[in-house]
Amino acid sequence: MAPLTLSTVDRLDRPSTYYSGRKKRKYGRDQPDDRDGADKQPEEDELLKDATTLYVGNLSFYTTEEQIHELFSKCGEIKRLIMGLDRYQKTPCGFCFVEYYTHQDALDCMKYIGGTKLDERVIRTDLDAGFQDGRQFGRGKSGGQVRDEYRDEFDPGRGGYGRAIDAERKKEEEEYGSGR
């Protein structure tokens, strides 16, 4: 039997955290993805084997489609670009989907563009199983991304403080101001 070799290099064709998180929410964290408890990793690998779509995260709220198109077109011809939007305000909320014509272009993009800076923010890229209508909207209570609601540090690229934290601060200021 051949010895098991471990690689020190991360795989590029891993599922996006958005895609993996969606599976966890659907089936629960401690439950298997199907009834007989079989591992779903081979199925996810199969979906990503020829994936041409990238999930791009940690974008500034002020990054434009033109900026993204200019940067990502350096790795191949872009078929479609879908900006992530706040569900209610229809403004950018820090992510997008970039669809290429070929799987190799998507892999090249992950290799060369993932982890670089765009609008002073380090962007992250993940392979995605494919865009479906409705995924362009943030999943947070306020319509944006969940992580932006509970951020407690000031981040000008993401719109200031987190929305939940900012709402608490405003409420405290009103209570303190009216208590005088």
N, C-alpha and C. Protein backbone atom coordinates (compact mmCIF):
# COMPACT_ATOMS: atom_id res chain seq x y z
N MET A 1 0.85 -1.17 0.00
CA MET A 1 0.00 0.00 0.00
C MET A 1 0.89 1.24 0.00
N ALA A 2 0.58 2.22 -0.83
CA ALA A 2 1.37 3.44 -0.93
C ALA A 2 1.12 4.32 0.28
N PRO A 3 2.14 5.00 0.77
CA PRO A 3 1.94 5.88 1.93
C PRO A 3 1.11 7.10 1.54
N LEU A 4 0.35 7.59 2.51
CA LEU A 4 -0.49 8.77 2.30
C LEU A 4 0.40 10.00 2.30
N THR A 5 0.31 10.80 1.25
CA THR A 5 1.10 12.02 1.18
C THR A 5 0.19 13.21 1.38
N LEU A 6 0.65 14.14 2.17
CA LEU A 6 -0.11 15.36 2.42
C LEU A 6 0.51 16.50 1.64
N SER A 7 -0.32 17.33 1.08
CA SER A 7 0.15 18.47 0.31
C SER A 7 0.16 19.71 1.19
N THR A 8 1.15 20.53 1.03
CA THR A 8 1.20 21.79 1.77
C THR A 8 0.58 22.93 0.97
N VAL A 9 0.09 22.64 -0.21
CA VAL A 9 -0.53 23.66 -1.06
C VAL A 9 -2.04 23.51 -0.99
N ASP A 10 -2.74 24.63 -0.77
CA ASP A 10 -4.20 24.60 -0.74
C ASP A 10 -4.74 24.34 -2.14
N ARG A 11 -5.82 23.59 -2.20
CA ARG A 11 -6.47 23.35 -3.48
C ARG A 11 -7.16 24.61 -3.96
N LEU A 12 -7.11 24.87 -5.24
CA LEU A 12 -7.79 26.03 -5.80
C LEU A 12 -9.26 25.75 -6.09
N ASP A 13 -9.59 24.48 -6.28
CA ASP A 13 -10.97 24.15 -6.67
C ASP A 13 -11.82 23.75 -5.47
N ARG A 14 -11.63 24.43 -4.36
CA ARG A 14 -12.44 24.16 -3.17
C ARG A 14 -13.75 24.95 -3.26
N PRO A 15 -14.79 24.53 -2.54
CA PRO A 15 -16.06 25.27 -2.59
C PRO A 15 -15.92 26.63 -1.93
N SER A 16 -16.68 27.60 -2.39
CA SER A 16 -16.67 28.91 -1.75
C SER A 16 -17.29 28.79 -0.37
N THR A 17 -16.93 29.69 0.52
CA THR A 17 -17.50 29.66 1.86
C THR A 17 -18.99 29.97 1.80
N TYR A 18 -19.40 30.75 0.84
CA TYR A 18 -20.83 31.03 0.68
C TYR A 18 -21.57 29.74 0.35
N TYR A 19 -21.01 28.98 -0.58
CA TYR A 19 -21.63 27.73 -1.01
C TYR A 19 -21.67 26.73 0.14
N SER A 20 -20.56 26.59 0.87
CA SER A 20 -20.50 25.65 1.99
C SER A 20 -21.43 26.07 3.11
N GLY A 21 -21.47 27.37 3.39
CA GLY A 21 -22.34 27.87 4.45
C GLY A 21 -23.81 27.64 4.15
N ARG A 22 -24.16 27.74 2.89
CA ARG A 22 -25.55 27.51 2.48
C ARG A 22 -25.95 26.06 2.76
N LYS A 23 -25.04 25.13 2.50
CA LYS A 23 -25.32 23.71 2.78
C LYS A 23 -25.51 23.49 4.27
N LYS A 24 -24.68 24.14 5.10
CA LYS A 24 -24.79 23.97 6.55
C LYS A 24 -26.11 24.50 7.06
N ARG A 25 -26.53 25.65 6.55
CA ARG A 25 -27.81 26.22 6.99
C ARG A 25 -28.97 25.33 6.58
N LYS A 26 -28.88 24.76 5.40
CA LYS A 26 -29.99 23.96 4.88
C LYS A 26 -30.17 22.66 5.68
N TYR A 27 -29.06 22.02 6.04
CA TYR A 27 -29.14 20.72 6.66
C TYR A 27 -28.78 20.72 8.14
N GLY A 28 -28.35 21.81 8.68
CA GLY A 28 -27.93 21.86 10.08
C GLY A 28 -26.46 21.51 10.19
N ARG A 29 -25.82 22.04 11.22
CA ARG A 29 -24.37 21.86 11.35
C ARG A 29 -23.97 20.44 11.70
N ASP A 30 -24.75 19.72 12.46
CA ASP A 30 -24.36 18.39 12.92
C ASP A 30 -25.01 17.26 12.15
N GLN A 31 -25.83 17.61 11.16
CA GLN A 31 -26.52 16.58 10.41
C GLN A 31 -25.82 16.34 9.09
N PRO A 32 -25.83 15.08 8.62
CA PRO A 32 -25.27 14.83 7.29
C PRO A 32 -26.13 15.48 6.22
N ASP A 33 -25.56 15.67 5.04
CA ASP A 33 -26.29 16.32 3.95
C ASP A 33 -27.34 15.43 3.31
N ASP A 34 -27.31 14.16 3.57
CA ASP A 34 -28.35 13.30 3.02
C ASP A 34 -28.75 12.26 4.07
N ARG A 35 -29.75 11.47 3.78
CA ARG A 35 -30.34 10.57 4.77
C ARG A 35 -29.45 9.42 5.18
N ASP A 36 -28.66 8.87 4.29
CA ASP A 36 -27.83 7.73 4.65
C ASP A 36 -26.48 8.15 5.23
N GLY A 37 -26.22 9.47 5.36
CA GLY A 37 -25.01 9.94 6.01
C GLY A 37 -23.76 9.88 5.14
N ALA A 38 -23.91 9.63 3.86
CA ALA A 38 -22.74 9.56 2.98
C ALA A 38 -22.09 10.94 2.88
N ASP A 39 -20.82 10.96 2.70
CA ASP A 39 -20.07 12.20 2.60
C ASP A 39 -20.40 12.91 1.30
N LYS A 40 -20.63 14.23 1.37
CA LYS A 40 -20.99 15.01 0.18
C LYS A 40 -19.79 15.60 -0.54
N GLN A 41 -18.59 15.41 0.01
CA GLN A 41 -17.40 16.01 -0.61
C GLN A 41 -17.24 15.62 -2.08
N PRO A 42 -17.41 14.35 -2.46
CA PRO A 42 -17.28 14.02 -3.88
C PRO A 42 -18.29 14.77 -4.76
N GLU A 43 -19.51 14.98 -4.26
CA GLU A 43 -20.51 15.71 -5.04
C GLU A 43 -20.09 17.17 -5.22
N GLU A 44 -19.59 17.80 -4.13
CA GLU A 44 -19.13 19.17 -4.23
C GLU A 44 -17.94 19.27 -5.17
N ASP A 45 -17.02 18.30 -5.09
CA ASP A 45 -15.88 18.28 -5.99
C ASP A 45 -16.34 18.20 -7.45
N GLU A 46 -17.36 17.40 -7.69
CA GLU A 46 -17.89 17.23 -9.05
C GLU A 46 -18.48 18.54 -9.57
N LEU A 47 -19.20 19.27 -8.70
CA LEU A 47 -19.79 20.55 -9.10
C LEU A 47 -18.72 21.59 -9.42
N LEU A 48 -17.61 21.55 -8.68
CA LEU A 48 -16.57 22.55 -8.87
C LEU A 48 -15.52 22.16 -9.90
N LYS A 49 -15.57 20.92 -10.37
CA LYS A 49 -14.57 20.41 -11.30
C LYS A 49 -14.51 21.25 -12.57
N ASP A 50 -15.64 21.70 -13.05
CA ASP A 50 -15.71 22.48 -14.28
C ASP A 50 -16.32 23.87 -14.04
N ALA A 51 -16.31 24.33 -12.78
CA ALA A 51 -16.94 25.61 -12.43
C ALA A 51 -16.25 26.76 -13.15
N THR A 52 -17.04 27.68 -13.64
CA THR A 52 -16.50 28.86 -14.32
C THR A 52 -16.86 30.13 -13.56
N THR A 53 -17.54 30.01 -12.44
CA THR A 53 -17.99 31.17 -11.68
C THR A 53 -17.12 31.34 -10.43
N LEU A 54 -16.78 32.58 -10.13
CA LEU A 54 -16.04 32.91 -8.93
C LEU A 54 -16.90 33.77 -8.02
N TYR A 55 -16.82 33.48 -6.72
CA TYR A 55 -17.39 34.37 -5.71
C TYR A 55 -16.24 35.28 -5.28
N VAL A 56 -16.45 36.58 -5.33
CA VAL A 56 -15.43 37.54 -4.93
C VAL A 56 -15.95 38.29 -3.72
N GLY A 57 -15.21 38.20 -2.61
CA GLY A 57 -15.65 38.81 -1.37
C GLY A 57 -14.69 39.86 -0.86
N ASN A 58 -15.12 40.56 0.19
CA ASN A 58 -14.38 41.61 0.87
C ASN A 58 -14.14 42.82 -0.03
N LEU A 59 -15.10 43.09 -0.89
CA LEU A 59 -15.01 44.29 -1.74
C LEU A 59 -15.45 45.51 -0.95
N SER A 60 -14.92 46.66 -1.34
CA SER A 60 -15.39 47.92 -0.79
C SER A 60 -16.81 48.18 -1.31
N PHE A 61 -17.61 48.87 -0.53
CA PHE A 61 -18.95 49.23 -0.98
C PHE A 61 -18.88 50.22 -2.14
N TYR A 62 -17.72 50.83 -2.32
CA TYR A 62 -17.57 51.87 -3.33
C TYR A 62 -16.89 51.36 -4.60
N THR A 63 -16.56 50.09 -4.65
CA THR A 63 -15.96 49.50 -5.85
C THR A 63 -17.02 49.39 -6.93
N THR A 64 -16.66 49.78 -8.14
CA THR A 64 -17.63 49.78 -9.25
C THR A 64 -17.48 48.52 -10.11
N GLU A 65 -18.50 48.25 -10.89
CA GLU A 65 -18.45 47.14 -11.84
C GLU A 65 -17.30 47.31 -12.82
N GLU A 66 -17.07 48.55 -13.24
CA GLU A 66 -16.00 48.82 -14.20
C GLU A 66 -14.63 48.45 -13.63
N GLN A 67 -14.40 48.76 -12.35
CA GLN A 67 -13.13 48.42 -11.71
C GLN A 67 -12.95 46.91 -11.65
N ILE A 68 -14.00 46.20 -11.28
CA ILE A 68 -13.94 44.75 -11.18
C ILE A 68 -13.71 44.14 -12.55
N HIS A 69 -14.44 44.63 -13.55
CA HIS A 69 -14.29 44.10 -14.90
C HIS A 69 -12.88 44.32 -15.42
N GLU A 70 -12.33 45.50 -15.16
CA GLU A 70 -10.98 45.80 -15.64
C GLU A 70 -9.95 44.86 -15.01
N LEU A 71 -10.05 44.62 -13.70
CA LEU A 71 -9.10 43.75 -13.01
C LEU A 71 -9.27 42.29 -13.42
N PHE A 72 -10.48 41.80 -13.40
CA PHE A 72 -10.71 40.38 -13.63
C PHE A 72 -10.61 39.98 -15.11
N SER A 73 -10.73 40.92 -16.01
CA SER A 73 -10.61 40.58 -17.43
C SER A 73 -9.15 40.31 -17.82
N LYS A 74 -8.22 40.58 -16.94
CA LYS A 74 -6.82 40.29 -17.22
C LYS A 74 -6.54 38.79 -17.24
N CYS A 75 -7.44 37.99 -16.66
CA CYS A 75 -7.26 36.54 -16.61
C CYS A 75 -8.09 35.78 -17.63
N GLY A 76 -8.93 36.46 -18.36
CA GLY A 76 -9.75 35.79 -19.36
C GLY A 76 -10.98 36.62 -19.67
N GLU A 77 -11.68 36.18 -20.70
CA GLU A 77 -12.88 36.91 -21.12
C GLU A 77 -14.02 36.63 -20.15
N ILE A 78 -14.64 37.69 -19.67
CA ILE A 78 -15.72 37.58 -18.68
C ILE A 78 -17.04 37.41 -19.41
N LYS A 79 -17.76 36.39 -19.01
CA LYS A 79 -19.07 36.12 -19.60
C LYS A 79 -20.14 36.99 -18.94
N ARG A 80 -20.07 37.08 -17.59
CA ARG A 80 -21.09 37.82 -16.84
C ARG A 80 -20.50 38.29 -15.52
N LEU A 81 -20.93 39.44 -15.06
CA LEU A 81 -20.50 40.00 -13.78
C LEU A 81 -21.75 40.41 -13.02
N ILE A 82 -21.94 39.85 -11.83
CA ILE A 82 -23.13 40.15 -11.03
C ILE A 82 -22.68 40.75 -9.72
N MET A 83 -23.05 42.00 -9.48
CA MET A 83 -22.69 42.68 -8.23
C MET A 83 -23.64 42.24 -7.11
N GLY A 84 -23.08 42.04 -5.93
CA GLY A 84 -23.90 41.76 -4.76
C GLY A 84 -24.57 43.04 -4.29
N LEU A 85 -25.86 42.97 -4.03
CA LEU A 85 -26.63 44.16 -3.68
C LEU A 85 -27.31 44.02 -2.34
N ASP A 86 -27.48 45.14 -1.67
CA ASP A 86 -28.29 45.20 -0.46
C ASP A 86 -29.72 44.89 -0.90
N ARG A 87 -30.36 43.98 -0.19
CA ARG A 87 -31.69 43.51 -0.59
C ARG A 87 -32.72 44.64 -0.66
N TYR A 88 -32.62 45.63 0.22
CA TYR A 88 -33.65 46.67 0.28
C TYR A 88 -33.24 47.97 -0.42
N GLN A 89 -31.98 48.37 -0.27
CA GLN A 89 -31.55 49.64 -0.84
C GLN A 89 -31.01 49.50 -2.26
N LYS A 90 -30.72 48.27 -2.69
CA LYS A 90 -30.19 47.98 -4.03
C LYS A 90 -28.86 48.71 -4.28
N THR A 91 -28.04 48.82 -3.24
CA THR A 91 -26.70 49.39 -3.35
C THR A 91 -25.69 48.27 -3.16
N PRO A 92 -24.46 48.41 -3.67
CA PRO A 92 -23.45 47.35 -3.51
C PRO A 92 -23.20 47.03 -2.04
N CYS A 93 -22.98 45.75 -1.75
CA CYS A 93 -22.77 45.37 -0.34
C CYS A 93 -21.53 44.49 -0.14
N GLY A 94 -20.55 44.58 -1.02
CA GLY A 94 -19.25 44.00 -0.72
C GLY A 94 -18.91 42.66 -1.32
N PHE A 95 -19.67 42.17 -2.29
CA PHE A 95 -19.31 40.92 -2.96
C PHE A 95 -19.83 40.96 -4.39
N CYS A 96 -19.36 40.02 -5.19
CA CYS A 96 -19.86 39.89 -6.55
C CYS A 96 -19.58 38.47 -7.06
N PHE A 97 -20.16 38.15 -8.18
CA PHE A 97 -19.91 36.90 -8.88
C PHE A 97 -19.32 37.25 -10.24
N VAL A 98 -18.24 36.59 -10.61
CA VAL A 98 -17.62 36.79 -11.92
C VAL A 98 -17.67 35.45 -12.63
N GLU A 99 -18.30 35.43 -13.79
CA GLU A 99 -18.42 34.19 -14.56
C GLU A 99 -17.54 34.29 -15.81
N TYR A 100 -16.68 33.31 -15.96
CA TYR A 100 -15.80 33.23 -17.13
C TYR A 100 -16.37 32.22 -18.11
N TYR A 101 -15.79 32.16 -19.29
CA TYR A 101 -16.20 31.18 -20.29
C TYR A 101 -15.55 29.82 -20.04
N THR A 102 -14.36 29.81 -19.44
CA THR A 102 -13.67 28.53 -19.23
C THR A 102 -13.27 28.36 -17.76
N HIS A 103 -13.16 27.12 -17.36
CA HIS A 103 -12.74 26.76 -16.01
C HIS A 103 -11.30 27.22 -15.76
N GLN A 104 -10.45 27.09 -16.76
CA GLN A 104 -9.05 27.47 -16.60
C GLN A 104 -8.90 28.97 -16.33
N ASP A 105 -9.72 29.79 -16.97
CA ASP A 105 -9.68 31.23 -16.70
C ASP A 105 -10.05 31.51 -15.24
N ALA A 106 -11.04 30.80 -14.73
CA ALA A 106 -11.45 30.98 -13.33
C ALA A 106 -10.32 30.57 -12.39
N LEU A 107 -9.65 29.45 -12.68
CA LEU A 107 -8.53 29.01 -11.85
C LEU A 107 -7.37 30.01 -11.91
N ASP A 108 -7.09 30.51 -13.10
CA ASP A 108 -6.02 31.51 -13.24
C ASP A 108 -6.35 32.75 -12.42
N CYS A 109 -7.59 33.16 -12.45
CA CYS A 109 -8.00 34.32 -11.69
C CYS A 109 -7.79 34.09 -10.19
N MET A 110 -8.17 32.92 -9.71
CA MET A 110 -7.96 32.61 -8.30
C MET A 110 -6.48 32.66 -7.95
N LYS A 111 -5.66 32.15 -8.84
CA LYS A 111 -4.23 32.08 -8.59
C LYS A 111 -3.59 33.46 -8.59
N TYR A 112 -3.93 34.29 -9.57
CA TYR A 112 -3.23 35.55 -9.76
C TYR A 112 -3.91 36.76 -9.13
N ILE A 113 -5.22 36.74 -8.99
CA ILE A 113 -5.92 37.92 -8.48
C ILE A 113 -6.37 37.75 -7.04
N GLY A 114 -6.72 36.53 -6.63
CA GLY A 114 -7.13 36.29 -5.25
C GLY A 114 -6.06 36.75 -4.28
N GLY A 115 -6.46 37.52 -3.27
CA GLY A 115 -5.51 38.00 -2.28
C GLY A 115 -4.83 39.31 -2.64
N THR A 116 -5.19 39.89 -3.78
CA THR A 116 -4.62 41.19 -4.16
C THR A 116 -5.53 42.31 -3.65
N LYS A 117 -5.07 43.54 -3.76
CA LYS A 117 -5.84 44.68 -3.27
C LYS A 117 -6.62 45.34 -4.40
N LEU A 118 -7.85 45.70 -4.08
CA LEU A 118 -8.71 46.48 -4.96
C LEU A 118 -9.39 47.50 -4.07
N ASP A 119 -9.24 48.77 -4.36
CA ASP A 119 -9.77 49.85 -3.51
C ASP A 119 -9.29 49.73 -2.07
N GLU A 120 -8.00 49.45 -1.91
CA GLU A 120 -7.35 49.34 -0.60
C GLU A 120 -7.89 48.20 0.27
N ARG A 121 -8.51 47.20 -0.34
CA ARG A 121 -9.02 46.05 0.40
C ARG A 121 -8.48 44.78 -0.24
N VAL A 122 -8.08 43.82 0.60
CA VAL A 122 -7.60 42.54 0.10
C VAL A 122 -8.82 41.71 -0.27
N ILE A 123 -8.97 41.41 -1.55
CA ILE A 123 -10.14 40.67 -2.00
C ILE A 123 -9.87 39.17 -1.93
N ARG A 124 -10.92 38.41 -1.77
CA ARG A 124 -10.79 36.96 -1.76
C ARG A 124 -11.65 36.37 -2.86
N THR A 125 -11.13 35.34 -3.47
CA THR A 125 -11.85 34.68 -4.56
C THR A 125 -12.01 33.21 -4.23
N ASP A 126 -13.18 32.67 -4.52
CA ASP A 126 -13.48 31.25 -4.33
C ASP A 126 -14.24 30.75 -5.55
N LEU A 127 -13.96 29.51 -5.94
CA LEU A 127 -14.79 28.90 -6.99
C LEU A 127 -16.20 28.73 -6.45
N ASP A 128 -17.16 28.89 -7.32
CA ASP A 128 -18.56 28.77 -6.93
C ASP A 128 -19.25 27.84 -7.92
N ALA A 129 -20.24 27.11 -7.44
CA ALA A 129 -20.93 26.13 -8.28
C ALA A 129 -21.74 26.79 -9.39
N GLY A 130 -21.98 28.07 -9.29
CA GLY A 130 -22.72 28.77 -10.34
C GLY A 130 -23.73 29.73 -9.76
N PHE A 131 -23.95 30.82 -10.45
CA PHE A 131 -24.88 31.84 -10.00
C PHE A 131 -26.31 31.41 -10.28
N GLN A 132 -27.16 31.64 -9.30
CA GLN A 132 -28.61 31.43 -9.47
C GLN A 132 -29.29 32.72 -9.04
N ASP A 133 -30.36 33.08 -9.71
CA ASP A 133 -31.06 34.31 -9.41
C ASP A 133 -31.46 34.36 -7.94
N GLY A 134 -31.26 35.50 -7.31
CA GLY A 134 -31.56 35.67 -5.90
C GLY A 134 -30.31 35.69 -5.03
N ARG A 135 -29.23 35.09 -5.53
CA ARG A 135 -27.99 35.05 -4.75
C ARG A 135 -27.25 36.37 -4.78
N GLN A 136 -27.69 37.31 -5.60
CA GLN A 136 -27.01 38.58 -5.68
C GLN A 136 -27.35 39.48 -4.50
N PHE A 137 -28.30 39.09 -3.67
CA PHE A 137 -28.71 39.92 -2.54
C PHE A 137 -28.07 39.45 -1.25
N GLY A 138 -27.73 40.41 -0.38
CA GLY A 138 -27.16 40.10 0.92
C GLY A 138 -28.16 39.32 1.77
N ARG A 139 -27.64 38.53 2.71
CA ARG A 139 -28.49 37.67 3.53
C ARG A 139 -28.74 38.22 4.93
N GLY A 140 -28.20 39.40 5.24
CA GLY A 140 -28.36 39.98 6.58
C GLY A 140 -29.78 40.47 6.81
N LYS A 141 -30.12 40.71 8.07
CA LYS A 141 -31.45 41.19 8.44
C LYS A 141 -31.76 42.53 7.79
N SER A 142 -30.72 43.38 7.68
CA SER A 142 -30.94 44.70 7.11
C SER A 142 -30.79 44.72 5.59
N GLY A 143 -30.54 43.56 4.98
CA GLY A 143 -30.44 43.47 3.53
C GLY A 143 -29.03 43.34 3.01
N GLY A 144 -28.03 43.68 3.82
CA GLY A 144 -26.63 43.56 3.41
C GLY A 144 -26.04 42.24 3.85
N GLN A 145 -24.73 42.20 4.00
CA GLN A 145 -24.07 40.98 4.44
C GLN A 145 -24.18 40.84 5.96
N VAL A 146 -24.29 39.61 6.41
CA VAL A 146 -24.45 39.32 7.83
C VAL A 146 -23.25 39.85 8.62
N ARG A 147 -22.05 39.61 8.12
CA ARG A 147 -20.86 40.01 8.87
C ARG A 147 -20.76 41.52 9.03
N ASP A 148 -21.35 42.27 8.13
CA ASP A 148 -21.30 43.73 8.23
C ASP A 148 -22.25 44.26 9.29
N GLU A 149 -23.21 43.50 9.69
CA GLU A 149 -24.14 43.97 10.70
C GLU A 149 -23.54 43.96 12.09
N TYR A 150 -22.60 43.07 12.35
CA TYR A 150 -22.06 42.89 13.70
C TYR A 150 -20.60 43.32 13.84
N ARG A 151 -20.06 43.95 12.82
CA ARG A 151 -18.70 44.47 12.89
C ARG A 151 -18.67 45.59 13.91
N ASP A 152 -17.69 45.58 14.85
CA ASP A 152 -17.65 46.64 15.85
C ASP A 152 -16.52 47.65 15.63
N GLU A 153 -15.72 47.46 14.58
CA GLU A 153 -14.67 48.42 14.27
C GLU A 153 -15.12 49.30 13.11
N PHE A 154 -14.53 50.47 13.02
CA PHE A 154 -14.86 51.38 11.93
C PHE A 154 -14.14 50.93 10.67
N ASP A 155 -14.86 50.81 9.58
CA ASP A 155 -14.29 50.39 8.31
C ASP A 155 -14.87 51.28 7.21
N PRO A 156 -14.14 52.30 6.79
CA PRO A 156 -14.70 53.23 5.80
C PRO A 156 -15.01 52.56 4.46
N GLY A 157 -14.27 51.51 4.09
CA GLY A 157 -14.51 50.82 2.83
C GLY A 157 -15.79 50.00 2.84
N ARG A 158 -16.25 49.63 4.03
CA ARG A 158 -17.48 48.84 4.14
C ARG A 158 -18.65 49.67 4.64
N GLY A 159 -18.49 50.98 4.72
CA GLY A 159 -19.62 51.82 5.09
C GLY A 159 -19.63 52.24 6.54
N GLY A 160 -18.49 52.27 7.23
CA GLY A 160 -18.44 52.73 8.62
C GLY A 160 -18.50 51.59 9.60
N TYR A 161 -19.27 51.77 10.66
CA TYR A 161 -19.44 50.72 11.66
C TYR A 161 -20.47 49.70 11.17
N GLY A 162 -20.55 48.56 11.84
CA GLY A 162 -21.57 47.57 11.53
C GLY A 162 -22.95 48.14 11.80
N ARG A 163 -23.95 47.72 11.07
CA ARG A 163 -25.28 48.31 11.18
C ARG A 163 -25.92 48.06 12.54
N ALA A 164 -25.79 46.85 13.07
CA ALA A 164 -26.38 46.55 14.38
C ALA A 164 -25.68 47.36 15.48
N ILE A 165 -24.36 47.44 15.41
CA ILE A 165 -23.58 48.19 16.40
C ILE A 165 -23.90 49.68 16.28
N ASP A 166 -23.98 50.18 15.05
CA ASP A 166 -24.29 51.59 14.82
C ASP A 166 -25.68 51.93 15.36
N ALA A 167 -26.64 51.05 15.16
CA ALA A 167 -28.00 51.28 15.66
C ALA A 167 -28.01 51.32 17.19
N GLU A 168 -27.23 50.43 17.84
CA GLU A 168 -27.15 50.44 19.31
C GLU A 168 -26.53 51.74 19.80
N ARG A 169 -25.47 52.19 19.13
CA ARG A 169 -24.81 53.44 19.53
C ARG A 169 -25.76 54.63 19.40
N LYS A 170 -26.50 54.68 18.32
CA LYS A 170 -27.45 55.79 18.13
C LYS A 170 -28.54 55.75 19.20
N LYS A 171 -29.01 54.55 19.53
CA LYS A 171 -30.04 54.40 20.55
C LYS A 171 -29.52 54.87 21.91
N GLU A 172 -28.26 54.48 22.23
CA GLU A 172 -27.66 54.92 23.51
C GLU A 172 -27.50 56.43 23.54
N GLU A 173 -27.09 57.02 22.42
CA GLU A 173 -26.92 58.47 22.36
C GLU A 173 -28.25 59.18 22.56
N GLU A 174 -29.32 58.65 21.97
CA GLU A 174 -30.65 59.25 22.14
C GLU A 174 -31.11 59.14 23.59
N GLU A 175 -30.89 57.97 24.20
CA GLU A 175 -31.30 57.78 25.60
C GLU A 175 -30.50 58.69 26.51
N TYR A 176 -29.21 58.78 26.26
CA TYR A 176 -28.34 59.63 27.08
C TYR A 176 -28.69 61.10 26.88
N GLY A 177 -28.95 61.47 25.64
CA GLY A 177 -29.28 62.87 25.33
C GLY A 177 -30.62 63.28 25.90
N SER A 178 -31.62 62.39 25.93
CA SER A 178 -32.94 62.75 26.45
C SER A 178 -33.01 62.60 27.97
N GLY A 179 -32.00 61.94 28.57
CA GLY A 179 -31.98 61.73 30.02
C GLY A 179 -31.47 62.92 30.78
N ARG A 180 -30.98 63.95 30.09
CA ARG A 180 -30.43 65.15 30.76
C ARG A 180 -31.48 66.07 31.24
